[in-house]
Amino acid sequence: MSQFKVALQLFSLVIIAFVLYSCVSNVDLEANVAYKINITSSPVTAVTSNSAVCGGTVNSTGGVDLIERGVCYATTPFPSIKNIRAKAATAVLGSYQVTLSGLTSDTKYFVTSYAISVKDTAYGEQMEFTTTSLLPVVTTNDVAAITTSNAQVFSTLVSVGASPIEQRGVCWATTANPTIANEKTSDGTATGTITSAILGLKQNTRYFVRAYAKNGNGVAYGRELSFNTPQPTTEDLNEVQFISNNIGFIAGNKVLLKTINGGDTWTKIRESSSVNFTSIHFENENLGYAGGNDQNYAYLYKTTDGGLSWAQVTREWNGNERLKITGIFTSGSNAVSFLFNAYPNASQVSGTIAFSSDAGVNWTRTKASKIVGFNCGDMNTDGKVYIGSSNYWAGTTNNCSIFTSTFLANGSKTVTEKNLDGIADLYGLDMNGLKGYAVGSNGKYFTSGDGGLNWSMRTIAGYSAETMNDVLFKDGSKGFIAATNGILLKTIDGGLSWFKEPTDSVEDFTSIAIKPDGTVFAVGTKGEIFRKIL
């Protein structure tokens, strides 16, 4: 056989083999295509802190029975059956759902549907979801309407977490990261955005605040915000008075202040370059008097328009800046009286009470029979003025001044004297029915149960070094004492026992006022205004 014939035969065999191989390959390829599974993934629903509902739809099995269908999931992308998978209850055509359980809260997951037959394993599209937190999700949005003692905070409860909300609001403190162990509001359990009212703040202070929400799993907090409360003045404040829940007044060195919103904000209604206002008293929201002094005179001013304008009604001359008005009292629109101290010489003081029955046009004056100073006073419901004073004795250069507690009661235009046991200067006085209270130097505290006829001296343990500047009772049980070094004492048993109210202040408190709603205000040196909501 020639070489050509051999080569031709070999070529023919190769062609035949190639044709046969192609036929077999096409058959296998067609078979593989026929066995392919078609599956799509369904959206993830019902996501909780530890579960979610997933699934898919098997659109075609490729003509082969399914062995398994379900979803596979992981915390990394593109999960497969090599990862954790959840099997559907049946392995047939159509849609199905499975519930993933035991998930980790607040975690992102990737999931895809799958189906398996003896011929194929197929996957649907990848889905992703994040489990909810066990705790609520809350945001602190903004702080607004900041006053000397109040602020508003806006917050949003985004989600309740894994259990119902028990409480939400805001918490605040003067240090960073406040918690519900600090001051807080309780503003219900509703979702969405709310406005929380922060009350009773200290003026001229930086505060930190954040929203909180509590459920059965714990407490969640929003971001922290901070704000500063303003201060209306840095002058020493000497007396505060409220005539209603909204309207109040403060007399201070070189300034008079007024509030018309219950003490949230204070506005200067009079300023002076030389007069220190030591006393203020309003009969009603329009008629009021303010007393003060400079280096030469003590002045009494009157307003009939709520403090918009003031007119001088009298002045007392002494040529000594120690001349001071220490109390003002009114009864109706015409009767007014005030206490003042004159100093005839460096070692003596002359306490005087002045009366007017025509709204300050004409005055009569009555002095004490002793060398005493009139430091404070109060008028009872019968129109009787009670005066707390100091007793100064003019001794020689070798003697020290001796201060003896003296109590004076004024009825009509005469002054009678009542000596108290104990050595003290009286600076605060409150007559509440038959009960009377007086406080003064060296922590001294006096009480009367018979309208001031008799007085007994008591001590308040731990405060003998303090000067008690004012005392005021809301009723027969609750009362307050303002003292030096930021001390505000409270009693709830009619004065039998006293305890210290936290004030975060080191200034000397000089005067107390209690609003009809029970809110307590104390004012003092360097513009200190403290508010306590009972």
Protein backbone atom coordinates (compact mmCIF):
# COMPACT_ATOMS: atom_id res chain seq x y z
CA MET A 1 0.00 0.00 0.00
CA SER A 2 1.36 3.32 -0.89
CA GLN A 3 2.16 5.89 1.74
CA PHE A 4 -0.50 8.14 0.30
CA LYS A 5 -3.22 5.53 0.86
CA VAL A 6 -2.05 5.01 4.45
CA ALA A 7 -2.17 8.69 5.15
CA LEU A 8 -5.59 8.96 3.60
CA GLN A 9 -6.93 6.14 5.75
CA LEU A 10 -5.51 7.71 8.90
CA PHE A 11 -7.07 11.05 8.04
CA SER A 12 -10.41 9.35 7.49
CA LEU A 13 -10.23 7.70 10.89
CA VAL A 14 -9.49 11.04 12.56
CA ILE A 15 -12.47 12.64 10.85
CA ILE A 16 -14.74 9.79 11.90
CA ALA A 17 -13.48 10.01 15.53
CA PHE A 18 -13.99 13.75 15.62
CA VAL A 19 -17.54 13.41 14.33
CA LEU A 20 -18.32 10.71 16.83
CA TYR A 21 -16.83 12.83 19.71
CA SER A 22 -18.80 15.89 18.65
CA CYS A 23 -22.03 13.96 18.66
CA VAL A 24 -21.41 12.60 22.12
CA SER A 25 -20.38 16.06 23.47
CA ASN A 26 -23.48 17.74 22.05
CA VAL A 27 -25.67 15.13 23.67
CA ASP A 28 -23.99 15.71 27.05
CA LEU A 29 -24.21 19.50 26.71
CA GLU A 30 -27.89 19.34 25.82
CA ALA A 31 -28.44 17.03 28.79
CA ASN A 32 -26.61 19.44 31.19
CA VAL A 33 -28.68 22.38 29.97
CA ALA A 34 -31.84 20.45 30.48
CA TYR A 35 -30.95 19.67 34.11
CA LYS A 36 -30.30 23.30 35.18
CA ILE A 37 -32.36 24.70 38.13
CA ASN A 38 -33.78 28.22 37.90
CA ILE A 39 -34.32 29.94 41.31
CA THR A 40 -34.89 33.51 42.52
CA SER A 41 -34.61 34.99 46.01
CA SER A 42 -37.45 36.69 47.89
CA PRO A 43 -37.08 39.92 49.93
CA VAL A 44 -36.22 39.49 53.62
CA THR A 45 -39.09 40.30 55.97
CA ALA A 46 -39.99 40.26 59.67
CA VAL A 47 -36.49 41.14 60.82
CA THR A 48 -36.06 41.15 64.60
CA SER A 49 -33.08 41.20 66.91
CA ASN A 50 -32.55 37.45 66.49
CA SER A 51 -34.65 36.27 63.53
CA ALA A 52 -35.74 37.01 59.98
CA VAL A 53 -38.00 35.46 57.35
CA CYS A 54 -36.29 34.63 54.03
CA GLY A 55 -37.10 32.47 51.02
CA GLY A 56 -37.24 32.12 47.28
CA THR A 57 -39.02 30.63 44.30
CA VAL A 58 -37.91 27.57 42.33
CA ASN A 59 -39.02 28.41 38.81
CA SER A 60 -37.67 25.25 37.12
CA THR A 61 -35.99 22.04 38.28
CA GLY A 62 -34.46 21.13 34.90
CA GLY A 63 -36.65 18.08 34.71
CA VAL A 64 -35.03 16.46 37.73
CA ASP A 65 -36.52 16.06 41.18
CA LEU A 66 -35.17 18.37 43.86
CA ILE A 67 -33.35 17.01 46.84
CA GLU A 68 -33.39 20.21 48.93
CA ARG A 69 -34.21 23.88 48.83
CA GLY A 70 -33.80 26.69 51.35
CA VAL A 71 -31.52 29.64 52.12
CA CYS A 72 -27.91 29.94 53.17
CA TYR A 73 -26.56 32.90 55.13
CA ALA A 74 -23.44 34.39 56.66
CA THR A 75 -22.04 37.67 57.95
CA THR A 76 -19.79 37.84 54.89
CA PRO A 77 -20.95 38.30 51.26
CA PHE A 78 -21.88 35.51 48.84
CA PRO A 79 -22.87 32.72 51.19
CA SER A 80 -23.18 29.18 49.83
CA ILE A 81 -24.31 25.81 51.08
CA LYS A 82 -20.90 25.54 52.69
CA ASN A 83 -22.12 28.20 55.13
CA ILE A 84 -25.06 27.87 57.50
CA ARG A 85 -28.24 26.99 55.68
CA ALA A 86 -31.88 26.69 56.58
CA LYS A 87 -33.86 24.03 54.69
CA ALA A 88 -37.39 24.48 53.50
CA ALA A 89 -39.93 21.93 54.63
CA THR A 90 -40.47 20.66 51.06
CA ALA A 91 -38.32 20.35 47.94
CA VAL A 92 -40.68 21.15 45.04
CA LEU A 93 -41.35 23.81 42.47
CA GLY A 94 -42.72 27.16 43.62
CA SER A 95 -42.22 29.62 46.44
CA TYR A 96 -41.17 28.87 49.97
CA GLN A 97 -40.19 30.62 53.21
CA VAL A 98 -37.90 29.75 56.08
CA THR A 99 -37.34 31.52 59.38
CA LEU A 100 -33.80 32.18 60.46
CA SER A 101 -33.44 32.10 64.25
CA GLY A 102 -30.65 32.45 66.78
CA LEU A 103 -29.21 35.47 64.97
CA THR A 104 -27.03 38.05 66.67
CA SER A 105 -28.67 41.39 67.37
CA ASP A 106 -27.58 44.52 65.58
CA THR A 107 -25.65 42.51 62.94
CA LYS A 108 -25.57 42.64 59.14
CA TYR A 109 -26.29 39.34 57.35
CA PHE A 110 -26.05 38.20 53.71
CA VAL A 111 -28.52 35.57 52.50
CA THR A 112 -29.38 33.78 49.26
CA SER A 113 -31.84 31.10 48.24
CA TYR A 114 -30.60 27.76 46.94
CA ALA A 115 -31.92 24.50 45.44
CA ILE A 116 -30.18 21.12 45.00
CA SER A 117 -30.91 18.18 42.68
CA VAL A 118 -28.80 15.19 41.68
CA LYS A 119 -27.79 17.15 38.59
CA ASP A 120 -27.40 20.74 39.82
CA THR A 121 -27.02 23.21 42.69
CA ALA A 122 -28.35 26.69 41.97
CA TYR A 123 -28.50 30.02 43.86
CA GLY A 124 -30.79 33.04 43.72
CA GLU A 125 -29.83 36.67 44.11
CA GLN A 126 -27.97 37.74 47.25
CA MET A 127 -30.04 39.71 49.79
CA GLU A 128 -28.86 41.47 52.92
CA PHE A 129 -30.44 42.66 56.16
CA THR A 130 -29.45 43.87 59.63
CA THR A 131 -31.00 42.50 62.78
CA THR A 132 -32.49 45.00 65.15
CA SER A 133 -30.90 45.93 68.46
CA LEU A 134 -32.04 44.44 71.74
CA LEU A 135 -32.04 48.00 73.06
CA PRO A 136 -34.09 50.89 71.73
CA VAL A 137 -32.59 53.33 69.25
CA VAL A 138 -32.95 56.98 70.27
CA THR A 139 -31.46 60.21 68.97
CA THR A 140 -30.83 63.54 70.71
CA ASN A 141 -31.73 66.16 68.13
CA ASP A 142 -31.41 69.67 69.56
CA VAL A 143 -31.54 71.93 72.62
CA ALA A 144 -33.63 75.10 72.43
CA ALA A 145 -35.41 77.77 74.52
CA ILE A 146 -32.52 77.97 76.99
CA THR A 147 -33.18 80.27 79.96
CA THR A 148 -31.49 80.84 83.30
CA SER A 149 -33.24 77.79 84.72
CA ASN A 150 -34.98 75.87 81.90
CA ALA A 151 -34.35 74.33 78.49
CA GLN A 152 -36.17 72.24 75.88
CA VAL A 153 -34.63 69.12 74.33
CA PHE A 154 -35.93 67.45 71.16
CA SER A 155 -35.38 63.71 70.75
CA THR A 156 -36.61 60.88 68.54
CA LEU A 157 -37.30 57.26 69.44
CA VAL A 158 -36.36 55.51 66.22
CA SER A 159 -37.11 51.93 67.28
CA VAL A 160 -38.24 50.20 70.45
CA GLY A 161 -35.75 47.31 70.37
CA ALA A 162 -36.58 43.75 71.28
CA SER A 163 -39.17 44.53 73.97
CA PRO A 164 -41.71 47.27 74.70
CA ILE A 165 -40.58 50.70 75.82
CA GLU A 166 -40.89 51.23 79.56
CA GLN A 167 -39.72 54.83 79.76
CA ARG A 168 -38.12 57.55 77.65
CA GLY A 169 -36.98 61.14 78.04
CA VAL A 170 -33.72 63.01 78.53
CA CYS A 171 -31.11 63.00 81.29
CA TRP A 172 -28.67 65.75 82.17
CA ALA A 173 -25.81 66.68 84.49
CA THR A 174 -22.99 69.18 84.84
CA THR A 175 -20.53 66.42 83.91
CA ALA A 176 -20.23 64.52 80.64
CA ASN A 177 -22.17 61.35 79.78
CA PRO A 178 -25.22 61.76 82.00
CA THR A 179 -27.32 58.68 82.75
CA ILE A 180 -30.74 58.04 84.23
CA ALA A 181 -28.99 57.98 87.61
CA ASN A 182 -28.66 61.78 87.17
CA GLU A 183 -31.54 64.21 86.69
CA LYS A 184 -34.03 63.03 84.08
CA THR A 185 -37.46 63.53 82.61
CA SER A 186 -40.07 60.79 82.12
CA ASP A 187 -42.01 61.50 78.94
CA GLY A 188 -44.04 58.37 78.27
CA THR A 189 -43.41 55.48 75.88
CA ALA A 190 -44.49 56.76 72.46
CA THR A 191 -42.24 56.45 69.42
CA GLY A 192 -41.35 59.41 67.25
CA THR A 193 -40.14 62.89 68.17
CA ILE A 194 -40.99 64.58 71.47
CA THR A 195 -40.00 67.74 73.34
CA SER A 196 -38.71 67.32 76.90
CA ALA A 197 -38.73 70.21 79.37
CA ILE A 198 -35.70 70.51 81.65
CA LEU A 199 -36.53 72.57 84.74
CA GLY A 200 -34.71 73.85 87.79
CA LEU A 201 -31.31 74.47 86.19
CA LYS A 202 -28.60 76.59 87.74
CA GLN A 203 -27.80 79.80 85.92
CA ASN A 204 -24.41 80.46 84.32
CA THR A 205 -23.68 76.73 84.14
CA ARG A 206 -22.70 74.29 81.42
CA TYR A 207 -24.94 71.23 81.17
CA PHE A 208 -24.63 67.96 79.27
CA VAL A 209 -27.80 66.26 78.05
CA ARG A 210 -28.78 63.21 76.03
CA ALA A 211 -31.94 61.32 75.20
CA TYR A 212 -32.61 57.91 76.68
CA ALA A 213 -35.06 55.06 76.16
CA LYS A 214 -35.50 52.03 78.37
CA ASN A 215 -36.98 48.62 77.54
CA GLY A 216 -36.81 45.23 79.20
CA ASN A 217 -33.28 44.67 77.91
CA GLY A 218 -31.74 47.87 79.22
CA VAL A 219 -31.24 51.57 78.55
CA ALA A 220 -30.05 53.15 75.32
CA TYR A 221 -28.76 56.71 74.98
CA GLY A 222 -28.59 59.18 72.13
CA ARG A 223 -25.65 61.41 71.37
CA GLU A 224 -24.60 63.94 73.99
CA LEU A 225 -25.25 67.67 73.56
CA SER A 226 -24.15 70.53 75.80
CA PHE A 227 -25.46 74.04 76.48
CA ASN A 228 -24.88 76.96 78.85
CA THR A 229 -27.52 78.72 80.91
CA PRO A 230 -27.24 82.52 80.96
CA GLN A 231 -26.92 84.82 83.97
CA PRO A 232 -28.92 88.08 84.08
CA THR A 233 -26.45 89.85 86.38
CA THR A 234 -23.33 89.27 88.47
CA GLU A 235 -24.30 91.84 91.08
CA ASP A 236 -25.14 90.75 94.62
CA LEU A 237 -28.86 90.05 94.99
CA ASN A 238 -30.55 91.08 98.24
CA GLU A 239 -34.26 90.23 98.13
CA VAL A 240 -36.67 88.20 95.98
CA GLN A 241 -40.48 88.30 95.91
CA PHE A 242 -43.15 86.50 93.85
CA ILE A 243 -46.69 87.85 93.73
CA SER A 244 -47.98 85.01 91.53
CA ASN A 245 -46.71 81.88 89.84
CA ASN A 246 -45.54 83.99 86.91
CA ILE A 247 -44.57 87.42 88.21
CA GLY A 248 -41.60 87.98 90.50
CA PHE A 249 -39.03 90.65 91.38
CA ILE A 250 -35.45 90.78 92.67
CA ALA A 251 -33.61 93.70 94.27
CA GLY A 252 -29.85 93.69 93.84
CA ASN A 253 -26.88 95.95 93.95
CA LYS A 254 -27.42 98.54 91.19
CA VAL A 255 -30.17 96.48 89.53
CA LEU A 256 -33.84 95.47 89.77
CA LEU A 257 -34.97 92.32 87.96
CA LYS A 258 -38.41 91.07 86.93
CA THR A 259 -39.78 87.79 85.59
CA ILE A 260 -43.13 87.26 83.91
CA ASN A 261 -42.68 83.54 83.21
CA GLY A 262 -42.23 82.10 86.65
CA GLY A 263 -38.49 82.68 86.90
CA ASP A 264 -37.49 81.11 83.60
CA THR A 265 -36.00 84.40 82.48
CA TRP A 266 -35.22 87.61 84.34
CA THR A 267 -35.18 91.08 82.77
CA LYS A 268 -33.52 94.20 84.14
CA ILE A 269 -36.23 96.78 84.83
CA ARG A 270 -33.97 99.35 86.49
CA GLU A 271 -30.22 99.91 86.64
CA SER A 272 -28.26 102.42 88.67
CA SER A 273 -24.62 103.45 88.69
CA SER A 274 -24.59 104.13 92.44
CA VAL A 275 -27.68 102.81 94.28
CA ASN A 276 -27.64 99.33 95.78
CA PHE A 277 -31.24 98.11 95.96
CA THR A 278 -31.61 96.25 99.24
CA SER A 279 -35.36 95.66 99.46
CA ILE A 280 -38.37 95.27 97.15
CA HIS A 281 -42.06 94.71 97.73
CA PHE A 282 -45.07 94.68 95.39
CA GLU A 283 -48.65 94.93 96.58
CA ASN A 284 -49.88 93.71 93.21
CA GLU A 285 -48.50 93.34 89.71
CA ASN A 286 -48.52 97.13 89.17
CA LEU A 287 -47.95 98.81 92.54
CA GLY A 288 -44.56 98.25 94.10
CA TYR A 289 -41.72 99.84 96.09
CA ALA A 290 -37.96 99.38 96.00
CA GLY A 291 -35.48 100.66 98.56
CA GLY A 292 -31.77 101.26 98.19
CA ASN A 293 -28.84 103.39 99.21
CA ASP A 294 -25.71 105.08 97.98
CA GLN A 295 -22.93 106.62 100.08
CA ASN A 296 -25.10 109.47 101.35
CA TYR A 297 -28.79 108.59 101.19
CA ALA A 298 -31.29 105.80 101.50
CA TYR A 299 -34.01 106.04 98.85
CA LEU A 300 -37.51 104.63 98.47
CA TYR A 301 -38.87 104.38 94.92
CA LYS A 302 -42.41 103.67 93.77
CA THR A 303 -43.86 102.19 90.56
CA THR A 304 -47.47 101.95 89.46
CA ASP A 305 -46.86 100.18 86.15
CA GLY A 306 -45.16 96.99 87.22
CA GLY A 307 -41.64 98.42 87.20
CA LEU A 308 -41.59 100.13 83.81
CA SER A 309 -41.07 103.50 85.49
CA TRP A 310 -40.04 104.52 89.01
CA ALA A 311 -40.43 107.70 91.04
CA GLN A 312 -38.59 108.61 94.24
CA VAL A 313 -41.05 109.06 97.11
CA THR A 314 -38.61 109.74 99.97
CA ARG A 315 -34.98 109.65 100.96
CA GLU A 316 -33.13 109.49 104.26
CA TRP A 317 -29.83 111.31 104.69
CA ASN A 318 -26.99 110.27 106.91
CA GLY A 319 -23.78 110.78 104.97
CA ASN A 320 -22.89 107.13 105.54
CA GLU A 321 -23.23 104.25 103.08
CA ARG A 322 -24.31 101.96 105.94
CA LEU A 323 -27.69 103.69 105.86
CA LYS A 324 -29.93 100.94 104.45
CA ILE A 325 -33.58 100.13 103.85
CA THR A 326 -34.07 96.58 105.14
CA GLY A 327 -37.77 95.91 104.70
CA ILE A 328 -40.85 97.27 102.91
CA PHE A 329 -44.48 96.46 103.74
CA THR A 330 -47.77 97.47 102.11
CA SER A 331 -51.44 97.05 102.90
CA GLY A 332 -53.80 98.09 100.14
CA SER A 333 -53.00 100.90 97.73
CA ASN A 334 -52.16 103.63 100.28
CA ALA A 335 -50.58 102.12 103.41
CA VAL A 336 -46.83 101.58 103.16
CA SER A 337 -44.04 101.34 105.71
CA PHE A 338 -40.34 100.57 105.55
CA LEU A 339 -37.45 99.83 107.87
CA PHE A 340 -34.13 101.61 107.69
CA ASN A 341 -30.99 101.98 109.72
CA ALA A 342 -29.19 105.26 110.37
CA TYR A 343 -25.75 105.47 111.92
CA PRO A 344 -25.31 108.62 114.03
CA ASN A 345 -21.68 107.69 114.59
CA ALA A 346 -19.29 104.85 113.88
CA SER A 347 -20.35 102.77 116.88
CA GLN A 348 -24.10 103.33 117.02
CA VAL A 349 -27.09 102.47 114.87
CA SER A 350 -30.59 103.87 114.98
CA GLY A 351 -33.27 101.50 113.68
CA THR A 352 -36.32 103.37 112.38
CA ILE A 353 -39.68 102.44 110.90
CA ALA A 354 -41.40 104.95 108.59
CA PHE A 355 -45.17 105.00 107.91
CA SER A 356 -47.31 106.52 105.18
CA SER A 357 -51.08 106.30 104.79
CA ASP A 358 -51.20 108.21 101.50
CA ALA A 359 -49.02 106.03 99.26
CA GLY A 360 -45.77 107.75 100.19
CA VAL A 361 -46.71 111.43 100.03
CA ASN A 362 -46.31 112.04 103.78
CA TRP A 363 -44.30 110.05 106.33
CA THR A 364 -44.04 109.62 110.07
CA ARG A 365 -41.06 107.91 111.66
CA THR A 366 -40.60 106.01 114.89
CA LYS A 367 -37.23 104.95 116.30
CA ALA A 368 -36.47 102.16 118.66
CA SER A 369 -35.82 103.22 122.23
CA LYS A 370 -32.54 101.34 122.23
CA ILE A 371 -29.51 101.55 120.02
CA VAL A 372 -30.57 98.78 117.67
CA GLY A 373 -30.46 98.03 114.00
CA PHE A 374 -33.53 96.92 112.08
CA ASN A 375 -32.30 94.09 109.84
CA CYS A 376 -35.45 92.31 108.67
CA GLY A 377 -39.19 92.19 109.11
CA ASP A 378 -42.46 90.55 108.21
CA MET A 379 -46.09 91.61 108.25
CA ASN A 380 -48.73 89.17 109.46
CA THR A 381 -52.28 88.90 108.17
CA ASP A 382 -53.48 91.38 110.85
CA GLY A 383 -51.20 94.11 109.50
CA LYS A 384 -48.75 93.95 112.39
CA VAL A 385 -45.11 94.36 111.41
CA TYR A 386 -42.54 92.24 113.20
CA ILE A 387 -38.93 93.37 113.12
CA GLY A 388 -35.80 91.37 113.68
CA SER A 389 -32.85 93.45 114.82
CA SER A 390 -29.35 93.67 116.21
CA ASN A 391 -28.40 95.36 119.47
CA TYR A 392 -25.28 97.55 119.24
CA TRP A 393 -23.65 98.98 122.36
CA ALA A 394 -21.42 102.03 122.12
CA GLY A 395 -18.47 101.06 124.28
CA THR A 396 -15.03 102.51 124.82
CA THR A 397 -12.09 101.79 122.59
CA ASN A 398 -11.21 98.88 124.88
CA ASN A 399 -14.57 97.19 124.48
CA CYS A 400 -15.95 95.08 121.68
CA SER A 401 -19.45 95.51 120.29
CA ILE A 402 -21.95 93.29 122.07
CA PHE A 403 -24.80 91.97 119.89
CA THR A 404 -27.92 90.93 121.78
CA SER A 405 -30.90 89.42 119.99
CA THR A 406 -33.91 91.69 120.21
CA PHE A 407 -37.38 91.21 118.77
CA LEU A 408 -39.62 94.20 118.08
CA ALA A 409 -43.36 94.07 117.33
CA ASN A 410 -45.07 97.03 115.69
CA GLY A 411 -48.77 97.67 116.07
CA SER A 412 -50.23 100.93 114.80
CA LYS A 413 -47.37 103.43 115.05
CA THR A 414 -45.80 102.40 118.33
CA VAL A 415 -42.88 100.10 118.82
CA THR A 416 -42.66 97.62 121.66
CA GLU A 417 -39.67 95.55 122.49
CA LYS A 418 -39.21 91.92 123.34
CA ASN A 419 -35.84 90.57 124.37
CA LEU A 420 -34.82 87.13 123.24
CA ASP A 421 -32.48 84.83 125.07
CA GLY A 422 -29.24 84.25 123.21
CA ILE A 423 -26.71 86.44 121.48
CA ALA A 424 -27.25 86.91 117.75
CA ASP A 425 -28.06 89.39 115.02
CA LEU A 426 -31.39 88.58 113.42
CA TYR A 427 -31.44 88.68 109.60
CA GLY A 428 -34.52 86.66 108.67
CA LEU A 429 -38.05 86.61 110.07
CA ASP A 430 -41.30 84.85 109.12
CA MET A 431 -44.62 85.14 110.93
CA ASN A 432 -46.97 82.36 109.86
CA GLY A 433 -50.14 82.65 111.93
CA LEU A 434 -49.29 82.11 115.57
CA LYS A 435 -46.04 80.50 114.56
CA GLY A 436 -42.98 82.67 114.20
CA TYR A 437 -39.45 81.91 113.03
CA ALA A 438 -36.32 84.06 113.22
CA VAL A 439 -32.75 83.30 112.14
CA GLY A 440 -29.47 85.11 112.41
CA SER A 441 -25.76 85.02 113.09
CA ASN A 442 -23.83 82.02 114.39
CA GLY A 443 -26.48 79.62 113.14
CA LYS A 444 -29.06 80.93 115.60
CA TYR A 445 -32.69 79.89 115.13
CA PHE A 446 -35.67 81.09 117.20
CA THR A 447 -39.29 79.94 117.23
CA SER A 448 -42.53 81.23 118.68
CA GLY A 449 -45.85 79.47 119.01
CA ASP A 450 -47.92 82.31 120.42
CA GLY A 451 -47.71 85.05 117.80
CA GLY A 452 -44.36 86.39 118.99
CA LEU A 453 -45.13 86.84 122.68
CA ASN A 454 -42.53 84.28 123.65
CA TRP A 455 -39.53 82.88 121.78
CA SER A 456 -37.22 79.93 122.32
CA MET A 457 -33.77 79.51 120.87
CA ARG A 458 -32.79 76.33 119.06
CA THR A 459 -29.69 75.15 117.30
CA ILE A 460 -29.22 73.40 113.98
CA ALA A 461 -26.44 70.88 114.36
CA GLY A 462 -23.51 71.42 112.03
CA TYR A 463 -24.30 75.02 111.08
CA SER A 464 -23.24 77.10 114.09
CA ALA A 465 -20.54 78.81 112.00
CA GLU A 466 -23.00 79.96 109.33
CA THR A 467 -25.02 83.15 109.17
CA MET A 468 -28.69 82.47 108.56
CA ASN A 469 -29.95 85.29 106.33
CA ASP A 470 -33.61 84.43 105.74
CA VAL A 471 -36.32 82.01 106.78
CA LEU A 472 -39.63 81.29 105.07
CA PHE A 473 -42.33 78.66 105.54
CA LYS A 474 -44.74 77.51 102.86
CA ASP A 475 -47.13 76.11 105.46
CA GLY A 476 -46.99 74.71 108.96
CA SER A 477 -44.65 71.93 107.89
CA LYS A 478 -42.41 72.93 105.00
CA GLY A 479 -39.89 75.71 105.49
CA PHE A 480 -36.50 76.91 104.26
CA ILE A 481 -33.51 78.80 105.64
CA ALA A 482 -31.06 80.68 103.40
CA ALA A 483 -27.52 80.84 104.74
CA THR A 484 -23.96 81.60 103.78
CA ASN A 485 -21.74 79.40 101.59
CA GLY A 486 -24.54 78.17 99.35
CA ILE A 487 -26.47 76.56 102.19
CA LEU A 488 -30.22 76.12 101.82
CA LEU A 489 -31.83 74.19 104.67
CA LYS A 490 -35.23 72.53 104.49
CA THR A 491 -37.68 71.22 107.07
CA ILE A 492 -40.80 69.15 106.51
CA ASP A 493 -41.81 68.83 110.16
CA GLY A 494 -42.39 72.44 111.13
CA GLY A 495 -38.78 73.14 112.01
CA LEU A 496 -38.10 70.25 114.37
CA SER A 497 -35.41 68.94 112.05
CA TRP A 498 -33.50 70.47 109.15
CA PHE A 499 -31.50 69.01 106.29
CA LYS A 500 -29.43 70.57 103.52
CA GLU A 501 -30.78 70.94 100.01
CA PRO A 502 -28.13 70.38 97.29
CA THR A 503 -27.54 73.68 95.50
CA ASP A 504 -24.10 73.31 93.85
CA SER A 505 -23.39 76.85 95.04
CA VAL A 506 -20.76 78.46 97.24
CA GLU A 507 -22.36 81.92 97.24
CA ASP A 508 -24.17 83.39 100.24
CA PHE A 509 -27.93 83.06 99.94
CA THR A 510 -29.64 86.23 101.19
CA SER A 511 -33.38 85.87 100.51
CA ILE A 512 -36.08 83.26 99.84
CA ALA A 513 -39.40 83.37 98.01
CA ILE A 514 -41.95 80.59 97.55
CA LYS A 515 -44.35 80.74 94.63
CA PRO A 516 -47.99 79.71 95.11
CA ASP A 517 -47.22 76.44 93.29
CA GLY A 518 -44.53 75.66 95.87
CA THR A 519 -41.46 76.43 93.77
CA VAL A 520 -38.68 77.84 95.97
CA PHE A 521 -36.31 80.60 94.87
CA ALA A 522 -33.18 81.65 96.74
CA VAL A 523 -30.98 84.55 95.65
CA GLY A 524 -27.56 85.62 96.80
CA THR A 525 -24.19 87.11 96.09
CA LYS A 526 -22.64 87.41 92.61
CA GLY A 527 -26.03 87.15 90.92
CA GLU A 528 -26.86 83.73 92.33
CA ILE A 529 -30.44 82.58 91.56
CA PHE A 530 -31.36 79.08 92.70
CA ARG A 531 -34.68 77.40 92.00
CA LYS A 532 -36.06 74.26 93.62
CA ILE A 533 -39.26 72.69 92.29
CA LEU A 534 -41.04 70.87 95.09
